[in-house]
Amino acid sequence: MEASIEAINDRVLLEGDPLEAVIALLPIGTVLAVRRVARAWRLAARNVLSSSAWQAAVPCDVLLEHRAPARAIATRLRAAPSEAAEPDAAGRLLLHVALQRRASEATVRAIVQANAAAPRTWGPGRLLPL
């Protein structure tokens, strides 16, 4: 999410809170870090992280990397269902990545619901994920 003055202005007009608008344009790692700055920043970051619009804009592999809750993964997969069926550069489906990262059962369930064929799809090393 690249920050620009126009994008920030558009978000402020739509959402009303300038701090949330700026935080929403930051990478997820930075959003998690700014929670430690001050109470107002923590509240703004929490609002951004729990926003379904923001969750829908963040790729699933990034959400998995930062151990996002299953509802965030499910929100993203509703917005981009093909993401569950597209292999990454290593040939792994999102389900393979989730299992490798020891994602929660609810996260795995959300991925399987988005791509019912994933449990029967060979991964690297010719192993089935489930």
Foldseek 3Di string as FASTA:
>chain_A
DDDDPVQLVVCCVVPVDSLLSVLLRDQPVVLVVQLPVDVVSVVSSVCSLPDLVSLLVDQPVSCLVVLHDLVSLLSVCVNPLCQQVDADPQQAGSLQVCVVSVHDPSNNVSSCVSPVCQQVDQGPVRDGSD
